[in-house]
Amino acid sequence: MITAIVQFKVASDVERDEILTNMGNVAPRFESVPGLIRKNFLLDTDRGVGGGVYTWESREAAEELYAEGGPWREAIRNAYGVDPEITWFETPIIVDNAAGEIKKSD
């Protein structure tokens, strides 16, 4: 498993409610993304940073979504006028308290 932390700058003139509305509107698009285990939306209005934490079955699955020139990148560019920054982490174990399980990478 892989975790990608995605961050992008949010202009100071973009209101919090507008960002939250946008996140709510795009959230359903992630429900059936192949290989995506979980996505957490992130927002730090004090620092002007938005983003997400994505947990993936594989890096290959993640790279399909994050492809340069693809619709995911273009959506961020169109909404916020910036390119996202992606940081990758191997994810050997997930403790999922909601599901009551510990999942280990193969």
N, C-alpha and C. Protein backbone atom coordinates (compact mmCIF):
# COMPACT_ATOMS: atom_id res chain seq x y z
N MET A 1 0.85 -1.18 0.00
CA MET A 1 0.00 0.00 0.00
C MET A 1 0.89 1.24 0.00
N ILE A 2 0.32 2.31 -0.51
CA ILE A 2 1.02 3.58 -0.64
C ILE A 2 0.11 4.69 -0.11
N THR A 3 0.71 5.67 0.55
CA THR A 3 -0.02 6.87 0.94
C THR A 3 0.60 8.04 0.21
N ALA A 4 -0.24 8.87 -0.38
CA ALA A 4 0.20 10.10 -1.04
C ALA A 4 -0.42 11.27 -0.30
N ILE A 5 0.43 12.19 0.12
CA ILE A 5 -0.06 13.43 0.72
C ILE A 5 0.05 14.50 -0.35
N VAL A 6 -1.09 15.04 -0.72
CA VAL A 6 -1.18 16.04 -1.78
C VAL A 6 -1.47 17.39 -1.12
N GLN A 7 -0.68 18.39 -1.50
CA GLN A 7 -0.91 19.74 -0.97
C GLN A 7 -0.87 20.74 -2.12
N PHE A 8 -1.66 21.79 -1.97
CA PHE A 8 -1.63 22.88 -2.94
C PHE A 8 -2.00 24.17 -2.21
N LYS A 9 -1.43 25.27 -2.71
CA LYS A 9 -1.71 26.57 -2.14
C LYS A 9 -3.11 27.02 -2.52
N VAL A 10 -3.77 27.64 -1.58
CA VAL A 10 -5.09 28.23 -1.82
C VAL A 10 -4.93 29.73 -1.66
N ALA A 11 -5.34 30.49 -2.67
CA ALA A 11 -5.21 31.94 -2.64
C ALA A 11 -5.96 32.51 -1.44
N SER A 12 -5.41 33.56 -0.88
CA SER A 12 -6.01 34.16 0.32
C SER A 12 -7.40 34.75 0.07
N ASP A 13 -7.73 35.03 -1.19
CA ASP A 13 -9.04 35.60 -1.48
C ASP A 13 -10.12 34.54 -1.70
N VAL A 14 -9.76 33.25 -1.59
CA VAL A 14 -10.74 32.18 -1.73
C VAL A 14 -11.31 31.88 -0.34
N GLU A 15 -12.62 32.01 -0.21
CA GLU A 15 -13.28 31.83 1.08
C GLU A 15 -13.33 30.35 1.48
N ARG A 16 -13.26 30.11 2.78
CA ARG A 16 -13.32 28.75 3.33
C ARG A 16 -14.56 28.00 2.84
N ASP A 17 -15.71 28.66 2.88
CA ASP A 17 -16.95 28.01 2.45
C ASP A 17 -16.88 27.58 0.99
N GLU A 18 -16.23 28.38 0.15
CA GLU A 18 -16.08 28.03 -1.26
C GLU A 18 -15.22 26.77 -1.41
N ILE A 19 -14.15 26.69 -0.63
CA ILE A 19 -13.27 25.51 -0.67
C ILE A 19 -14.03 24.27 -0.21
N LEU A 20 -14.77 24.39 0.90
CA LEU A 20 -15.52 23.25 1.42
C LEU A 20 -16.61 22.81 0.44
N THR A 21 -17.26 23.77 -0.20
CA THR A 21 -18.26 23.42 -1.22
C THR A 21 -17.62 22.66 -2.36
N ASN A 22 -16.47 23.15 -2.82
CA ASN A 22 -15.77 22.48 -3.91
C ASN A 22 -15.37 21.05 -3.51
N MET A 23 -14.85 20.89 -2.30
CA MET A 23 -14.48 19.55 -1.81
C MET A 23 -15.70 18.64 -1.77
N GLY A 24 -16.80 19.16 -1.28
CA GLY A 24 -18.03 18.36 -1.22
C GLY A 24 -18.53 17.97 -2.60
N ASN A 25 -18.36 18.86 -3.56
CA ASN A 25 -18.81 18.57 -4.92
C ASN A 25 -17.95 17.51 -5.59
N VAL A 26 -16.65 17.50 -5.33
CA VAL A 26 -15.77 16.54 -6.00
C VAL A 26 -15.66 15.21 -5.25
N ALA A 27 -16.04 15.17 -3.98
CA ALA A 27 -15.89 13.94 -3.18
C ALA A 27 -16.51 12.71 -3.84
N PRO A 28 -17.71 12.78 -4.40
CA PRO A 28 -18.30 11.57 -5.00
C PRO A 28 -17.49 11.01 -6.17
N ARG A 29 -16.67 11.83 -6.80
CA ARG A 29 -15.85 11.35 -7.91
C ARG A 29 -14.80 10.33 -7.48
N PHE A 30 -14.50 10.29 -6.20
CA PHE A 30 -13.47 9.38 -5.70
C PHE A 30 -14.03 8.04 -5.24
N GLU A 31 -15.35 7.90 -5.25
CA GLU A 31 -15.97 6.68 -4.74
C GLU A 31 -15.62 5.43 -5.53
N SER A 32 -15.35 5.55 -6.79
CA SER A 32 -15.08 4.35 -7.59
C SER A 32 -13.74 4.40 -8.32
N VAL A 33 -12.79 5.17 -7.79
CA VAL A 33 -11.47 5.24 -8.42
C VAL A 33 -10.75 3.91 -8.18
N PRO A 34 -10.31 3.25 -9.25
CA PRO A 34 -9.63 1.96 -9.10
C PRO A 34 -8.36 2.08 -8.24
N GLY A 35 -8.25 1.21 -7.26
CA GLY A 35 -7.07 1.16 -6.41
C GLY A 35 -7.07 2.11 -5.23
N LEU A 36 -8.04 3.04 -5.17
CA LEU A 36 -8.08 3.99 -4.05
C LEU A 36 -8.78 3.35 -2.86
N ILE A 37 -8.08 3.27 -1.75
CA ILE A 37 -8.64 2.70 -0.52
C ILE A 37 -9.39 3.77 0.28
N ARG A 38 -8.79 4.95 0.39
CA ARG A 38 -9.39 6.01 1.20
C ARG A 38 -8.83 7.36 0.77
N LYS A 39 -9.66 8.38 0.90
CA LYS A 39 -9.20 9.75 0.70
C LYS A 39 -9.73 10.61 1.83
N ASN A 40 -8.82 11.35 2.45
CA ASN A 40 -9.19 12.34 3.45
C ASN A 40 -8.88 13.72 2.86
N PHE A 41 -9.85 14.59 2.81
CA PHE A 41 -9.63 15.96 2.36
C PHE A 41 -8.98 16.75 3.49
N LEU A 42 -8.07 17.67 3.13
CA LEU A 42 -7.35 18.48 4.10
C LEU A 42 -7.53 19.96 3.81
N LEU A 43 -7.57 20.77 4.86
CA LEU A 43 -7.63 22.22 4.70
C LEU A 43 -6.99 22.88 5.91
N ASP A 44 -6.05 23.78 5.64
CA ASP A 44 -5.43 24.60 6.68
C ASP A 44 -5.56 26.05 6.22
N THR A 45 -6.61 26.72 6.65
CA THR A 45 -6.86 28.08 6.19
C THR A 45 -5.82 29.06 6.74
N ASP A 46 -5.24 28.77 7.89
CA ASP A 46 -4.22 29.66 8.45
C ASP A 46 -2.99 29.73 7.55
N ARG A 47 -2.61 28.61 6.96
CA ARG A 47 -1.44 28.57 6.07
C ARG A 47 -1.82 28.67 4.59
N GLY A 48 -3.10 28.64 4.29
CA GLY A 48 -3.54 28.71 2.90
C GLY A 48 -3.19 27.47 2.12
N VAL A 49 -3.43 26.31 2.74
CA VAL A 49 -3.08 25.03 2.10
C VAL A 49 -4.29 24.11 2.11
N GLY A 50 -4.55 23.52 0.95
CA GLY A 50 -5.57 22.49 0.83
C GLY A 50 -4.90 21.22 0.32
N GLY A 51 -5.66 20.13 0.32
CA GLY A 51 -5.09 18.89 -0.21
C GLY A 51 -5.84 17.67 0.24
N GLY A 52 -5.12 16.57 0.25
CA GLY A 52 -5.72 15.31 0.63
C GLY A 52 -4.68 14.28 1.01
N VAL A 53 -5.11 13.32 1.78
CA VAL A 53 -4.29 12.15 2.09
C VAL A 53 -5.00 10.97 1.44
N TYR A 54 -4.31 10.34 0.52
CA TYR A 54 -4.85 9.24 -0.26
C TYR A 54 -4.13 7.96 0.12
N THR A 55 -4.86 6.90 0.39
CA THR A 55 -4.27 5.59 0.61
C THR A 55 -4.63 4.72 -0.59
N TRP A 56 -3.61 4.12 -1.18
CA TRP A 56 -3.74 3.38 -2.44
C TRP A 56 -3.29 1.94 -2.29
N GLU A 57 -3.85 1.08 -3.11
CA GLU A 57 -3.38 -0.31 -3.19
C GLU A 57 -1.98 -0.37 -3.77
N SER A 58 -1.67 0.54 -4.72
CA SER A 58 -0.34 0.56 -5.35
C SER A 58 -0.02 1.95 -5.86
N ARG A 59 1.26 2.20 -6.05
CA ARG A 59 1.67 3.48 -6.61
C ARG A 59 1.20 3.61 -8.05
N GLU A 60 1.18 2.52 -8.77
CA GLU A 60 0.73 2.55 -10.16
C GLU A 60 -0.71 3.05 -10.26
N ALA A 61 -1.56 2.59 -9.36
CA ALA A 61 -2.96 3.05 -9.35
C ALA A 61 -3.01 4.55 -9.08
N ALA A 62 -2.19 5.01 -8.14
CA ALA A 62 -2.17 6.43 -7.81
C ALA A 62 -1.68 7.26 -8.98
N GLU A 63 -0.63 6.80 -9.63
CA GLU A 63 -0.05 7.56 -10.74
C GLU A 63 -1.02 7.67 -11.92
N GLU A 64 -1.92 6.73 -12.05
CA GLU A 64 -2.94 6.86 -13.11
C GLU A 64 -3.82 8.08 -12.86
N LEU A 65 -4.22 8.27 -11.60
CA LEU A 65 -5.06 9.43 -11.28
C LEU A 65 -4.26 10.73 -11.38
N TYR A 66 -3.02 10.71 -10.88
CA TYR A 66 -2.22 11.93 -10.80
C TYR A 66 -1.49 12.28 -12.10
N ALA A 67 -1.74 11.60 -13.17
CA ALA A 67 -1.00 11.78 -14.42
C ALA A 67 -0.96 13.24 -14.86
N GLU A 68 0.22 13.66 -15.30
CA GLU A 68 0.39 15.01 -15.84
C GLU A 68 -0.54 15.19 -17.04
N GLY A 69 -1.29 16.28 -17.04
CA GLY A 69 -2.22 16.55 -18.13
C GLY A 69 -3.57 15.87 -17.98
N GLY A 70 -3.72 15.04 -16.92
CA GLY A 70 -4.97 14.34 -16.70
C GLY A 70 -6.02 15.21 -16.04
N PRO A 71 -7.25 14.71 -15.97
CA PRO A 71 -8.35 15.51 -15.42
C PRO A 71 -8.20 15.89 -13.95
N TRP A 72 -7.55 15.04 -13.15
CA TRP A 72 -7.37 15.36 -11.72
C TRP A 72 -6.49 16.59 -11.56
N ARG A 73 -5.34 16.60 -12.24
CA ARG A 73 -4.43 17.76 -12.17
C ARG A 73 -5.10 19.02 -12.73
N GLU A 74 -5.78 18.85 -13.83
CA GLU A 74 -6.45 20.00 -14.45
C GLU A 74 -7.53 20.57 -13.54
N ALA A 75 -8.22 19.73 -12.80
CA ALA A 75 -9.26 20.22 -11.88
C ALA A 75 -8.64 21.08 -10.78
N ILE A 76 -7.48 20.67 -10.27
CA ILE A 76 -6.81 21.48 -9.24
C ILE A 76 -6.32 22.79 -9.84
N ARG A 77 -5.72 22.71 -11.02
CA ARG A 77 -5.25 23.94 -11.69
C ARG A 77 -6.41 24.90 -11.96
N ASN A 78 -7.54 24.36 -12.42
CA ASN A 78 -8.69 25.21 -12.71
C ASN A 78 -9.29 25.82 -11.46
N ALA A 79 -9.35 25.05 -10.37
CA ALA A 79 -9.97 25.53 -9.13
C ALA A 79 -9.07 26.49 -8.36
N TYR A 80 -7.75 26.20 -8.33
CA TYR A 80 -6.85 26.96 -7.46
C TYR A 80 -5.70 27.65 -8.18
N GLY A 81 -5.54 27.37 -9.48
CA GLY A 81 -4.51 28.04 -10.26
C GLY A 81 -3.09 27.61 -9.96
N VAL A 82 -2.93 26.42 -9.37
CA VAL A 82 -1.60 25.93 -9.00
C VAL A 82 -1.49 24.44 -9.30
N ASP A 83 -0.25 23.96 -9.32
CA ASP A 83 0.00 22.53 -9.43
C ASP A 83 0.09 21.93 -8.03
N PRO A 84 -0.40 20.71 -7.86
CA PRO A 84 -0.30 20.06 -6.55
C PRO A 84 1.12 19.55 -6.30
N GLU A 85 1.46 19.44 -5.04
CA GLU A 85 2.72 18.84 -4.61
C GLU A 85 2.37 17.49 -3.98
N ILE A 86 3.03 16.42 -4.42
CA ILE A 86 2.71 15.08 -3.94
C ILE A 86 3.92 14.50 -3.22
N THR A 87 3.69 14.02 -1.99
CA THR A 87 4.72 13.33 -1.21
C THR A 87 4.26 11.89 -1.01
N TRP A 88 5.16 10.95 -1.31
CA TRP A 88 4.84 9.52 -1.28
C TRP A 88 5.39 8.83 -0.04
N PHE A 89 4.60 7.88 0.49
CA PHE A 89 5.03 7.08 1.63
C PHE A 89 4.61 5.63 1.42
N GLU A 90 5.48 4.71 1.74
CA GLU A 90 5.09 3.31 1.82
C GLU A 90 4.16 3.20 3.03
N THR A 91 3.13 2.39 2.91
CA THR A 91 2.17 2.21 4.00
C THR A 91 2.09 0.73 4.35
N PRO A 92 2.95 0.27 5.26
CA PRO A 92 2.99 -1.17 5.56
C PRO A 92 1.82 -1.65 6.41
N ILE A 93 1.24 -0.77 7.24
CA ILE A 93 0.16 -1.18 8.14
C ILE A 93 -0.83 -0.04 8.30
N ILE A 94 -2.12 -0.39 8.29
CA ILE A 94 -3.18 0.57 8.59
C ILE A 94 -3.99 0.03 9.76
N VAL A 95 -4.15 0.85 10.78
CA VAL A 95 -5.06 0.53 11.88
C VAL A 95 -6.36 1.25 11.56
N ASP A 96 -7.40 0.49 11.28
CA ASP A 96 -8.70 1.06 10.91
C ASP A 96 -9.68 0.80 12.05
N ASN A 97 -9.82 1.76 12.93
CA ASN A 97 -10.70 1.61 14.09
C ASN A 97 -12.17 1.56 13.70
N ALA A 98 -12.55 2.26 12.63
CA ALA A 98 -13.95 2.25 12.20
C ALA A 98 -14.35 0.84 11.74
N ALA A 99 -13.46 0.16 11.04
CA ALA A 99 -13.74 -1.18 10.56
C ALA A 99 -13.35 -2.24 11.57
N GLY A 100 -12.62 -1.84 12.61
CA GLY A 100 -12.18 -2.78 13.63
C GLY A 100 -11.17 -3.78 13.12
N GLU A 101 -10.22 -3.28 12.27
CA GLU A 101 -9.24 -4.20 11.72
C GLU A 101 -7.86 -3.53 11.55
N ILE A 102 -6.87 -4.38 11.47
CA ILE A 102 -5.53 -3.95 11.14
C ILE A 102 -5.20 -4.58 9.80
N LYS A 103 -4.87 -3.73 8.81
CA LYS A 103 -4.59 -4.22 7.47
C LYS A 103 -3.09 -4.09 7.21
N LYS A 104 -2.47 -5.18 6.76
CA LYS A 104 -1.04 -5.18 6.46
C LYS A 104 -0.84 -5.28 4.96
N SER A 105 0.18 -4.56 4.49
CA SER A 105 0.54 -4.60 3.09
C SER A 105 1.05 -5.98 2.72
N ASP A 106 0.80 -6.38 1.47
CA ASP A 106 1.27 -7.70 1.02
C ASP A 106 2.75 -7.75 0.83
